[in-house]
Amino acid sequence: MSTAQPEDRATPDALLHARTGTEVAPEDVVLAAGRDVTPESLEWARRKIAAEGAAALEKLLP
């Protein structure tokens, strides 16, 4: 018999991500990475989005 309470169970990963179906903006990736928004960081984010798609943002969020 299990003694685990509902609040003791982990939330499934699929429920932790809240995509709205909109495109991922470079600014979102920069801010999620904890970086300042600069031309260089925006270019880094554009390359990351081009390589990884929407997962670029998902990988940075808890």
Protein backbone atom coordinates (compact mmCIF):
# COMPACT_ATOMS: atom_id res chain seq x y z
CA MET A 1 0.00 0.00 0.00
CA SER A 2 1.40 3.40 -1.00
CA THR A 3 1.55 6.25 1.48
CA ALA A 4 2.30 8.92 -1.13
CA GLN A 5 -0.05 11.86 -1.10
CA PRO A 6 -1.12 13.53 -4.37
CA GLU A 7 1.13 16.52 -3.65
CA ASP A 8 4.12 14.16 -3.29
CA ARG A 9 3.99 13.05 -6.92
CA ALA A 10 6.00 14.80 -9.61
CA THR A 11 4.18 16.71 -12.31
CA PRO A 12 4.65 15.05 -15.71
CA ASP A 13 7.08 16.97 -17.91
CA ALA A 14 4.49 17.50 -20.65
CA LEU A 15 2.33 19.50 -18.23
CA LEU A 16 5.16 21.83 -17.20
CA HIS A 17 5.55 23.47 -20.58
CA ALA A 18 3.06 26.15 -21.57
CA ARG A 19 3.51 26.87 -25.27
CA THR A 20 0.89 29.17 -26.67
CA GLY A 21 1.53 28.18 -30.27
CA THR A 22 3.18 31.50 -31.06
CA GLU A 23 6.61 31.88 -32.55
CA VAL A 24 9.58 32.04 -30.22
CA ALA A 25 11.07 35.54 -30.22
CA PRO A 26 14.82 36.07 -29.90
CA GLU A 27 14.13 38.42 -26.98
CA ASP A 28 12.39 35.58 -25.13
CA VAL A 29 15.39 33.29 -25.56
CA VAL A 30 17.82 36.00 -24.44
CA LEU A 31 15.81 36.77 -21.32
CA ALA A 32 15.25 33.10 -20.49
CA ALA A 33 19.02 32.60 -20.68
CA GLY A 34 19.52 35.42 -18.16
CA ARG A 35 21.38 37.59 -20.64
CA ASP A 36 21.03 41.29 -21.36
CA VAL A 37 19.24 42.19 -24.58
CA THR A 38 22.02 43.42 -26.87
CA PRO A 39 22.54 43.12 -30.62
CA GLU A 40 25.05 40.32 -29.96
CA SER A 41 22.75 38.35 -27.66
CA LEU A 42 19.85 38.75 -30.09
CA GLU A 43 22.01 37.35 -32.89
CA TRP A 44 23.02 34.44 -30.61
CA ALA A 45 19.31 33.79 -29.93
CA ARG A 46 18.44 33.92 -33.65
CA ARG A 47 21.10 31.31 -34.38
CA LYS A 48 19.88 29.15 -31.50
CA ILE A 49 16.26 29.35 -32.74
CA ALA A 50 17.37 28.56 -36.30
CA ALA A 51 19.22 25.47 -35.07
CA GLU A 52 16.79 24.22 -32.41
CA GLY A 53 13.40 25.73 -33.25
CA ALA A 54 10.94 26.28 -30.39
CA ALA A 55 12.99 23.87 -28.26
CA ALA A 56 15.60 26.65 -27.93
CA LEU A 57 13.30 28.35 -25.42
CA GLU A 58 11.99 25.15 -23.81
CA LYS A 59 15.53 23.99 -23.02
CA LEU A 60 16.19 27.18 -21.07
CA LEU A 61 13.05 27.09 -18.95
CA PRO A 62 12.72 24.95 -15.84
